[in-house]
Protein backbone atom coordinates (compact mmCIF):
# COMPACT_ATOMS: atom_id res chain seq x y z
CA MET A 1 -107.58 18.17 58.09
CA HIS A 2 -106.66 21.78 57.38
CA ARG A 3 -107.11 22.54 53.65
CA GLU A 4 -103.52 23.81 53.19
CA THR A 5 -102.11 20.76 54.95
CA GLU A 6 -104.19 18.47 52.75
CA ILE A 7 -102.93 20.18 49.57
CA ILE A 8 -99.30 19.98 50.72
CA ARG A 9 -99.57 16.27 51.52
CA ARG A 10 -101.40 15.51 48.28
CA TYR A 11 -99.08 17.31 45.88
CA PHE A 12 -95.76 17.95 47.60
CA ASP A 13 -95.08 15.19 50.13
CA ARG A 14 -93.30 12.77 47.80
CA GLN A 15 -90.53 11.38 49.96
CA ARG A 16 -87.79 9.47 48.19
CA ASN A 17 -85.02 7.29 49.54
CA ASN A 18 -82.33 9.74 50.56
CA GLY A 19 -80.08 8.82 53.44
CA GLY A 20 -79.36 12.45 54.16
CA VAL A 21 -82.95 13.40 55.09
CA ILE A 22 -83.51 13.22 58.83
CA ILE A 23 -86.70 15.30 59.05
CA GLY A 24 -88.67 16.11 55.90
CA ILE A 25 -92.07 17.58 55.01
CA GLY A 26 -94.57 17.69 57.87
CA ASP A 27 -92.59 19.51 60.56
CA ASP A 28 -91.72 23.15 61.22
CA ALA A 29 -88.32 22.77 59.57
CA ALA A 30 -86.30 20.10 57.80
CA ALA A 31 -83.08 18.42 58.89
CA VAL A 32 -80.48 16.81 56.66
CA LYS A 33 -77.09 15.22 57.23
CA LEU A 34 -74.03 15.76 55.09
CA PRO A 35 -71.38 13.08 54.63
CA ALA A 36 -67.84 13.76 55.78
CA GLY A 37 -65.43 15.54 53.46
CA VAL A 38 -67.92 17.80 51.68
CA GLU A 39 -69.04 21.41 51.88
CA LEU A 40 -72.67 22.55 51.93
CA ILE A 41 -73.74 24.46 48.81
CA SER A 42 -76.97 26.50 48.72
CA ALA A 43 -78.72 28.59 46.09
CA ILE A 44 -82.04 30.43 45.92
CA ASP A 45 -83.99 31.83 42.98
CA THR A 46 -87.43 33.35 42.56
CA ILE A 47 -89.44 33.52 39.35
CA VAL A 48 -92.34 35.96 39.13
CA GLU A 49 -95.19 36.17 36.62
CA GLY A 50 -94.73 39.12 34.29
CA VAL A 51 -91.03 39.39 35.15
CA HIS A 52 -89.42 35.99 34.53
CA PHE A 53 -92.20 34.42 32.49
CA PRO A 54 -95.20 35.81 30.58
CA ARG A 55 -98.68 35.94 32.06
CA GLY A 56 -100.60 32.81 31.20
CA PHE A 57 -97.40 30.74 30.96
CA PRO A 58 -98.21 27.01 31.39
CA ALA A 59 -97.97 25.64 34.90
CA ASN A 60 -95.79 22.72 33.81
CA ASP A 61 -93.19 25.09 32.35
CA ILE A 62 -93.19 27.18 35.54
CA GLY A 63 -92.69 24.09 37.69
CA TYR A 64 -89.77 23.02 35.53
CA ARG A 65 -88.09 26.44 35.29
CA VAL A 66 -88.14 27.30 39.00
CA LEU A 67 -86.06 24.22 39.76
CA ALA A 68 -83.96 24.37 36.58
CA VAL A 69 -82.60 27.86 37.29
CA ASN A 70 -81.39 26.71 40.72
CA LEU A 71 -79.87 23.56 39.30
CA SER A 72 -77.99 25.74 36.83
CA ASP A 73 -76.42 27.66 39.73
CA PHE A 74 -75.22 24.35 41.14
CA ALA A 75 -73.83 23.37 37.75
CA ALA A 76 -71.82 26.61 37.70
CA MET A 77 -70.22 25.65 41.03
CA GLY A 78 -69.52 22.05 40.04
CA ALA A 79 -71.88 21.01 42.84
CA GLN A 80 -74.22 18.06 43.37
CA PRO A 81 -77.82 18.97 44.32
CA ALA A 82 -79.66 16.93 46.95
CA TRP A 83 -82.55 18.77 48.62
CA ALA A 84 -84.97 21.56 47.78
CA LEU A 85 -87.33 23.92 49.61
CA LEU A 86 -90.22 25.39 47.62
CA SER A 87 -92.28 28.51 48.33
CA LEU A 88 -95.25 28.92 46.01
CA SER A 89 -97.56 31.93 45.86
CA MET A 90 -100.84 31.50 43.94
CA PRO A 91 -103.73 33.97 43.36
CA SER A 92 -106.21 31.16 43.97
CA LEU A 93 -106.19 27.43 44.61
CA ASP A 94 -106.41 25.69 41.23
CA GLU A 95 -105.69 22.00 41.72
CA LEU A 96 -105.38 21.23 38.00
CA TRP A 97 -102.77 24.00 37.71
CA LEU A 98 -101.01 22.72 40.82
CA GLU A 99 -100.94 19.14 39.57
CA SER A 100 -99.36 20.25 36.28
CA PHE A 101 -96.80 22.38 38.13
CA CYS A 102 -95.84 19.51 40.43
CA ASP A 103 -95.60 16.92 37.66
CA SER A 104 -92.86 18.90 35.90
CA PHE A 105 -91.16 19.99 39.10
CA PHE A 106 -90.82 16.44 40.37
CA GLU A 107 -89.90 15.03 36.98
CA LEU A 108 -86.85 17.30 36.92
CA ALA A 109 -86.17 16.76 40.63
CA ASP A 110 -86.18 12.98 40.20
CA ALA A 111 -83.85 13.25 37.20
CA HIS A 112 -81.26 14.89 39.46
CA ALA A 113 -82.03 12.92 42.66
CA VAL A 114 -83.37 16.03 44.41
CA VAL A 115 -85.78 15.55 47.32
CA LEU A 116 -88.28 18.23 48.31
CA ILE A 117 -87.94 18.55 52.08
CA GLY A 118 -90.19 21.51 52.87
CA GLY A 119 -91.55 24.88 51.84
CA ASP A 120 -94.56 27.15 51.97
CA LEU A 121 -97.84 27.61 50.09
CA VAL A 122 -99.50 31.04 50.23
CA SER A 123 -102.17 33.13 48.52
CA GLY A 124 -100.79 36.02 46.49
CA PRO A 125 -99.37 37.06 43.09
CA LEU A 126 -98.09 34.12 41.08
CA ALA A 127 -94.47 33.49 42.01
CA ALA A 128 -92.29 30.55 42.98
CA THR A 129 -89.06 30.37 44.97
CA VAL A 130 -86.74 27.39 45.32
CA THR A 131 -83.90 27.05 47.78
CA LEU A 132 -81.58 24.28 46.65
CA LEU A 133 -79.14 22.51 48.96
CA GLY A 134 -76.36 20.10 48.09
CA SER A 135 -72.64 19.54 48.35
CA VAL A 136 -69.24 19.66 46.73
CA PRO A 137 -66.00 18.00 47.87
CA GLU A 138 -63.93 20.20 50.16
CA ASP A 139 -62.12 22.98 48.28
CA ALA A 140 -63.50 21.78 44.93
CA ALA A 141 -66.19 24.40 44.24
CA ILE A 142 -65.68 26.38 41.04
CA THR A 143 -66.15 30.11 41.56
CA ARG A 144 -66.10 33.29 39.47
CA ASP A 145 -62.80 34.61 40.81
CA GLY A 146 -60.25 32.07 39.55
CA ALA A 147 -59.57 33.21 35.97
CA GLN A 148 -55.95 34.01 35.13
CA PRO A 149 -54.33 35.83 32.17
CA GLY A 150 -53.49 33.45 29.33
CA GLU A 151 -56.46 31.15 29.91
CA ILE A 152 -59.11 30.28 27.33
CA VAL A 153 -62.83 31.13 27.57
CA TYR A 154 -65.40 28.47 26.66
CA VAL A 155 -69.18 28.28 26.58
CA THR A 156 -71.61 25.37 26.36
CA GLY A 157 -74.59 25.25 24.04
CA SER A 158 -75.80 28.13 21.87
CA PRO A 159 -76.23 31.41 23.80
CA GLY A 160 -79.07 33.59 22.52
CA ALA A 161 -81.39 30.66 21.81
CA ALA A 162 -83.54 31.33 24.88
CA ALA A 163 -84.02 34.98 23.88
CA LEU A 164 -85.27 33.86 20.47
CA GLY A 165 -87.51 31.34 22.20
CA LEU A 166 -89.01 34.02 24.42
CA GLN A 167 -89.68 36.19 21.37
CA SER A 168 -91.58 33.29 19.83
CA VAL A 169 -93.61 32.82 23.01
CA MET A 170 -94.48 36.51 23.28
CA LYS A 171 -95.38 36.87 19.58
CA HIS A 172 -97.28 33.55 19.49
CA SER A 173 -95.20 32.60 16.46
CA GLU A 174 -95.29 28.93 17.46
CA CYS A 175 -91.68 27.99 16.90
CA PRO A 176 -91.39 25.06 19.34
CA GLN A 177 -87.80 24.28 18.38
CA MET A 178 -86.68 27.68 19.71
CA GLU A 179 -89.26 27.98 22.48
CA ARG A 180 -87.95 24.89 24.22
CA TYR A 181 -84.71 26.74 25.03
CA PHE A 182 -86.74 29.24 27.05
CA ARG A 183 -89.41 26.91 28.40
CA ARG A 184 -87.11 24.04 29.35
CA PRO A 185 -83.46 25.12 29.79
CA VAL A 186 -81.19 22.14 30.47
CA PRO A 187 -79.19 22.47 33.71
CA ARG A 188 -75.60 21.43 32.92
CA ILE A 189 -75.10 19.51 36.19
CA THR A 190 -73.09 16.67 34.61
CA GLU A 191 -70.85 19.08 32.73
CA GLY A 192 -70.34 21.32 35.76
CA ARG A 193 -69.24 18.45 37.97
CA ALA A 194 -66.91 17.15 35.28
CA LEU A 195 -65.22 20.56 35.08
CA ARG A 196 -63.97 20.38 38.68
CA GLY A 197 -60.20 20.48 38.46
CA ILE A 198 -60.29 21.76 34.87
CA ALA A 199 -62.20 25.06 34.88
CA SER A 200 -60.52 27.85 36.82
CA SER A 201 -63.69 29.97 36.96
CA MET A 202 -67.29 29.49 35.88
CA ILE A 203 -70.72 31.13 35.79
CA ASP A 204 -74.09 30.18 34.35
CA LEU A 205 -75.63 32.42 31.69
CA SER A 206 -78.71 33.86 33.37
CA ASP A 207 -78.29 37.56 32.51
CA GLY A 208 -76.64 37.22 29.09
CA LEU A 209 -73.16 36.19 27.96
CA LEU A 210 -71.82 39.75 27.98
CA THR A 211 -72.99 40.60 31.51
CA ASP A 212 -71.94 37.24 32.93
CA ALA A 213 -68.50 37.46 31.29
CA ARG A 214 -68.16 40.84 32.98
CA HIS A 215 -68.92 39.17 36.32
CA ILE A 216 -66.00 36.76 35.85
CA ALA A 217 -63.72 39.58 34.69
CA GLU A 218 -64.62 41.72 37.70
CA GLU A 219 -64.37 38.96 40.31
CA SER A 220 -61.09 37.65 38.84
CA ALA A 221 -59.60 41.13 38.22
CA VAL A 222 -58.82 40.28 34.58
CA GLN A 223 -59.88 41.31 31.11
CA ILE A 224 -61.81 38.94 28.87
CA THR A 225 -61.46 39.40 25.13
CA LEU A 226 -64.21 37.70 23.16
CA ASP A 227 -63.71 36.37 19.62
CA ALA A 228 -66.37 37.72 17.25
CA ALA A 229 -65.78 35.06 14.59
CA ALA A 230 -66.04 32.23 17.12
CA LEU A 231 -69.15 33.74 18.68
CA ASN A 232 -70.86 34.15 15.31
CA ASP A 233 -70.40 30.41 14.80
CA THR A 234 -71.71 29.66 18.31
CA VAL A 235 -74.62 31.92 19.19
CA SER A 236 -78.21 31.79 17.96
CA GLY A 237 -79.42 34.83 16.02
CA GLU A 238 -77.60 38.13 15.55
CA LEU A 239 -74.42 38.53 17.54
CA LEU A 240 -75.05 41.55 19.78
CA PRO A 241 -78.65 40.65 20.76
CA ALA A 242 -77.45 37.11 21.47
CA LEU A 243 -74.74 38.45 23.78
CA CYS A 244 -77.33 40.40 25.78
CA GLY A 245 -80.11 37.81 25.84
CA GLY A 246 -80.59 36.08 29.17
CA ASP A 247 -82.14 32.82 30.39
CA ASP A 248 -79.79 30.51 28.47
CA TYR A 249 -78.46 28.77 31.60
CA GLU A 250 -75.43 27.54 29.72
CA LEU A 251 -71.98 27.51 31.32
CA LEU A 252 -69.30 30.13 30.62
CA PHE A 253 -65.90 29.08 31.98
CA THR A 254 -62.16 29.57 31.73
CA VAL A 255 -59.55 26.85 31.29
CA PRO A 256 -55.74 26.96 31.57
CA THR A 257 -54.06 26.12 28.25
CA GLY A 258 -52.51 22.99 29.74
CA LYS A 259 -55.94 21.52 30.43
CA GLU A 260 -57.55 22.02 27.02
CA GLN A 261 -56.92 18.42 25.95
CA ALA A 262 -58.55 17.13 29.13
CA LEU A 263 -61.57 19.32 28.40
CA ALA A 264 -61.77 18.05 24.81
CA ALA A 265 -61.74 14.45 26.05
CA LEU A 266 -64.53 15.14 28.53
CA ALA A 267 -66.68 17.06 26.04
CA THR A 268 -66.91 14.12 23.65
CA ASN A 269 -69.35 12.51 26.11
CA TRP A 270 -71.51 15.58 26.71
CA ASP A 271 -74.98 16.27 25.30
CA CYS A 272 -74.07 19.84 24.37
CA ALA A 273 -71.55 21.61 22.21
CA VAL A 274 -68.54 23.31 23.83
CA SER A 275 -67.04 26.30 22.02
CA ARG A 276 -63.88 28.32 22.51
CA VAL A 277 -65.02 31.96 22.42
CA GLY A 278 -62.29 34.12 23.93
CA ARG A 279 -59.16 34.60 25.98
CA VAL A 280 -58.29 35.98 29.41
CA GLY A 281 -55.75 38.81 29.63
CA THR A 282 -54.54 41.54 31.93
CA GLY A 283 -56.71 44.58 32.41
CA GLU A 284 -60.40 44.82 33.23
CA GLY A 285 -63.84 44.33 31.73
CA VAL A 286 -64.85 42.61 28.51
CA THR A 287 -63.84 43.56 24.99
CA LEU A 288 -65.00 42.38 21.57
CA PRO A 289 -62.66 43.72 18.87
CA GLY A 290 -64.60 45.54 16.18
CA TYR A 291 -67.62 46.24 18.41
CA ASP A 292 -68.54 48.96 20.89
CA LEU A 293 -69.78 47.25 24.06
CA GLU A 294 -69.90 50.34 26.29
CA ASN A 295 -73.68 50.75 26.23
CA LEU A 296 -74.55 47.06 25.96
CA SER A 297 -75.63 45.00 28.92
CA GLY A 298 -77.73 42.00 29.76
CA TYR A 299 -80.72 41.67 32.07
CA ASP A 300 -80.79 43.84 35.20
CA HIS A 301 -83.77 43.74 37.58
CA PHE A 302 -83.21 47.30 38.78
CA SER A 303 -82.01 49.07 35.65
CA VAL A 304 -83.70 52.42 35.03
């Protein structure tokens, strides 16, 4: 048996019962079947050593994160994940590393009923790419462009925690309580699905609360005014760095005032805090009264 084929079958061919999989791992491409009344949702993310995680980062954390960041995109759409494709580039074949990577990847996949249906394994710089496929009921996807003046802005969790966690990792300060926010972000799939019909717009916090709020403001053609007092009670660490820190993978969303009680009822059953942090108005961009945000931004791959 070809060495690559043997490795793929040993570590990646873990078929699960999933009625939608017609052709899985072992062929040139995969085939799946969607039930009636739903729309196909897809997302893709790549994480690269030295860019998205430090050199020497544990394989189990890499395996978890590459799937988690895609799941977070699905959460932001109110979507249900089902299938994944994985492309993994490795400098050399290290089976102990690969086993650790796969253990975490499949642990998270199984927790969300995601089946790996194909992918690619190549020699090269350490990087991993996941394409995630799933569904949402027709016309139910939550997008970035639905915010309206008068609505309220909410966020889950504690933005800025992942940035503090990354600092701990980089400085070897061994603060596991903070590092877990960076190493193992929790995709808010349950919360995202529950927000269908309640949230008018939503985004996950990958590039920092400030940058991602600007995305909603731009796509919805509105202005978002953030509440400094509310944010100080919500974020981890100092306010402005927390606004610009990325990798939180929490949900930032807007809710019409008439649906706030419905949100409060839902949130009592969630595993994360939900905080009111601003309001939507007419205009453009994002403001934070008392602060100059003009030269502040979150993560940008191609910033100079």
